């Protein structure tokens, strides 16, 4: 719901060509090409979709930052976040 509202209000939204993912997520980047390369990985997209509320970004120094605005008590969810972090780092390191 909020993704659609953000899009209507003009928030930058990069589309990657996956209709469901593009509908459900608002993507921002200063390098659209790199973002599309990262999200071309099916595993990374699936791991992002599996998270109810996660924000991640690369800072200006290239550090990968994850943020989840709640306490995670479920081990499977924590493992999924770890898998997302690892897959993202792996993809970024291959560039």
C-alpha atoms as a PDB file:
ATOM      1  CA  UNK A   1       0.000   0.000   0.000  1.00  0.00           C
ATOM      2  CA  UNK A   2       2.689   2.500   0.966  1.00  0.00           C
ATOM      3  CA  UNK A   3       4.743   1.630  -2.109  1.00  0.00           C
ATOM      4  CA  UNK A   4       1.850   2.629  -4.348  1.00  0.00           C
ATOM      5  CA  UNK A   5       1.322   5.858  -2.391  1.00  0.00           C
ATOM      6  CA  UNK A   6       5.011   6.718  -2.616  1.00  0.00           C
ATOM      7  CA  UNK A   7       4.945   6.111  -6.369  1.00  0.00           C
ATOM      8  CA  UNK A   8       1.876   8.327  -6.786  1.00  0.00           C
ATOM      9  CA  UNK A   9       3.577  11.102  -4.830  1.00  0.00           C
ATOM     10  CA  UNK A  10       6.541  11.011  -7.190  1.00  0.00           C
ATOM     11  CA  UNK A  11       9.120   9.105  -5.162  1.00  0.00           C
ATOM     12  CA  UNK A  12      11.868   7.772  -7.379  1.00  0.00           C
ATOM     13  CA  UNK A  13      11.028   4.240  -8.384  1.00  0.00           C
ATOM     14  CA  UNK A  14      13.366   2.182 -10.505  1.00  0.00           C
ATOM     15  CA  UNK A  15      11.701  -0.771 -12.180  1.00  0.00           C
ATOM     16  CA  UNK A  16      13.703  -3.926 -12.785  1.00  0.00           C
ATOM     17  CA  UNK A  17      11.340  -5.787 -15.118  1.00  0.00           C
ATOM     18  CA  UNK A  18       9.773  -8.172 -12.586  1.00  0.00           C
ATOM     19  CA  UNK A  19       6.121  -7.042 -12.501  1.00  0.00           C
ATOM     20  CA  UNK A  20       5.300  -8.312  -9.000  1.00  0.00           C
ATOM     21  CA  UNK A  21       8.564  -7.063  -7.496  1.00  0.00           C
ATOM     22  CA  UNK A  22       8.176  -3.684  -9.226  1.00  0.00           C
ATOM     23  CA  UNK A  23       4.622  -3.413  -7.885  1.00  0.00           C
ATOM     24  CA  UNK A  24       5.547  -4.323  -4.308  1.00  0.00           C
ATOM     25  CA  UNK A  25       8.779  -2.362  -3.830  1.00  0.00           C
ATOM     26  CA  UNK A  26       9.972   1.199  -4.301  1.00  0.00           C
ATOM     27  CA  UNK A  27      13.597   1.127  -5.411  1.00  0.00           C
ATOM     28  CA  UNK A  28      15.970   4.072  -5.251  1.00  0.00           C
ATOM     29  CA  UNK A  29      19.570   4.261  -6.400  1.00  0.00           C
ATOM     30  CA  UNK A  30      22.134   6.681  -7.701  1.00  0.00           C
ATOM     31  CA  UNK A  31      23.227   3.934 -10.106  1.00  0.00           C
ATOM     32  CA  UNK A  32      20.267   2.246 -11.806  1.00  0.00           C
ATOM     33  CA  UNK A  33      22.497  -0.120 -13.753  1.00  0.00           C
ATOM     34  CA  UNK A  34      24.162  -1.521 -10.620  1.00  0.00           C
ATOM     35  CA  UNK A  35      20.805  -1.895  -8.880  1.00  0.00           C
ATOM     36  CA  UNK A  36      19.374  -3.796 -11.840  1.00  0.00           C
ATOM     37  CA  UNK A  37      22.436  -6.086 -11.902  1.00  0.00           C
ATOM     38  CA  UNK A  38      22.073  -6.812  -8.192  1.00  0.00           C
ATOM     39  CA  UNK A  39      18.358  -7.535  -8.462  1.00  0.00           C
ATOM     40  CA  UNK A  40      18.764  -9.664 -11.574  1.00  0.00           C
ATOM     41  CA  UNK A  41      19.692 -12.388  -9.092  1.00  0.00           C
ATOM     42  CA  UNK A  42      16.527 -14.446  -8.455  1.00  0.00           C
ATOM     43  CA  UNK A  43      17.781 -15.566  -5.040  1.00  0.00           C
ATOM     44  CA  UNK A  44      18.310 -12.013  -3.827  1.00  0.00           C
ATOM     45  CA  UNK A  45      14.854 -10.958  -5.006  1.00  0.00           C
ATOM     46  CA  UNK A  46      13.248 -13.997  -3.337  1.00  0.00           C
ATOM     47  CA  UNK A  47      15.066 -13.281  -0.064  1.00  0.00           C
ATOM     48  CA  UNK A  48      13.921  -9.648  -0.144  1.00  0.00           C
ATOM     49  CA  UNK A  49      10.317 -10.677  -0.809  1.00  0.00           C
ATOM     50  CA  UNK A  50      10.481 -13.084   2.160  1.00  0.00           C
ATOM     51  CA  UNK A  51      11.169 -10.201   4.559  1.00  0.00           C
ATOM     52  CA  UNK A  52       8.144  -8.346   5.911  1.00  0.00           C
ATOM     53  CA  UNK A  53      10.107  -5.169   6.621  1.00  0.00           C
ATOM     54  CA  UNK A  54      13.730  -4.650   5.702  1.00  0.00           C
ATOM     55  CA  UNK A  55      15.733  -1.738   4.368  1.00  0.00           C
ATOM     56  CA  UNK A  56      19.206  -2.083   2.998  1.00  0.00           C
ATOM     57  CA  UNK A  57      21.590   0.225   1.268  1.00  0.00           C
ATOM     58  CA  UNK A  58      25.189   0.874   0.362  1.00  0.00           C
ATOM     59  CA  UNK A  59      26.703   3.948   1.926  1.00  0.00           C
ATOM     60  CA  UNK A  60      29.146   6.255   0.145  1.00  0.00           C
ATOM     61  CA  UNK A  61      32.077   4.128   1.358  1.00  0.00           C
ATOM     62  CA  UNK A  62      30.584   0.940  -0.102  1.00  0.00           C
ATOM     63  CA  UNK A  63      29.485  -0.487   3.256  1.00  0.00           C
ATOM     64  CA  UNK A  64      26.365  -2.639   3.148  1.00  0.00           C
ATOM     65  CA  UNK A  65      23.823  -1.491   5.729  1.00  0.00           C
ATOM     66  CA  UNK A  66      20.745  -3.443   6.842  1.00  0.00           C
ATOM     67  CA  UNK A  67      17.964  -2.104   9.003  1.00  0.00           C
ATOM     68  CA  UNK A  68      14.976  -3.913  10.475  1.00  0.00           C
ATOM     69  CA  UNK A  69      12.781  -1.723  12.706  1.00  0.00           C
ATOM     70  CA  UNK A  70      11.835  -4.464  15.142  1.00  0.00           C
ATOM     71  CA  UNK A  71      13.254  -7.188  17.342  1.00  0.00           C
ATOM     72  CA  UNK A  72      13.633 -10.462  15.449  1.00  0.00           C
ATOM     73  CA  UNK A  73      12.847 -13.464  17.599  1.00  0.00           C
ATOM     74  CA  UNK A  74      12.275 -16.064  14.902  1.00  0.00           C
ATOM     75  CA  UNK A  75      15.374 -18.050  13.962  1.00  0.00           C
ATOM     76  CA  UNK A  76      14.158 -18.805  10.395  1.00  0.00           C
ATOM     77  CA  UNK A  77      13.665 -15.079   9.743  1.00  0.00           C
ATOM     78  CA  UNK A  78      17.070 -14.246  11.172  1.00  0.00           C
ATOM     79  CA  UNK A  79      18.628 -16.941   8.973  1.00  0.00           C
ATOM     80  CA  UNK A  80      16.825 -15.528   5.944  1.00  0.00           C
ATOM     81  CA  UNK A  81      18.206 -12.054   6.714  1.00  0.00           C
ATOM     82  CA  UNK A  82      21.686 -13.520   7.063  1.00  0.00           C
ATOM     83  CA  UNK A  83      21.241 -15.315   3.712  1.00  0.00           C
ATOM     84  CA  UNK A  84      20.129 -12.046   2.092  1.00  0.00           C
ATOM     85  CA  UNK A  85      23.114 -10.195   3.521  1.00  0.00           C
ATOM     86  CA  UNK A  86      25.532 -12.939   2.379  1.00  0.00           C
ATOM     87  CA  UNK A  87      24.035 -13.196  -1.123  1.00  0.00           C
ATOM     88  CA  UNK A  88      24.164  -9.416  -1.526  1.00  0.00           C
ATOM     89  CA  UNK A  89      27.788  -9.224  -0.385  1.00  0.00           C
ATOM     90  CA  UNK A  90      28.693 -12.094  -2.705  1.00  0.00           C
ATOM     91  CA  UNK A  91      27.048 -10.391  -5.667  1.00  0.00           C
ATOM     92  CA  UNK A  92      28.693  -7.049  -4.894  1.00  0.00           C
ATOM     93  CA  UNK A  93      32.126  -8.655  -4.502  1.00  0.00           C
ATOM     94  CA  UNK A  94      31.934 -10.158  -8.001  1.00  0.00           C
ATOM     95  CA  UNK A  95      31.803  -6.721  -9.637  1.00  0.00           C
END
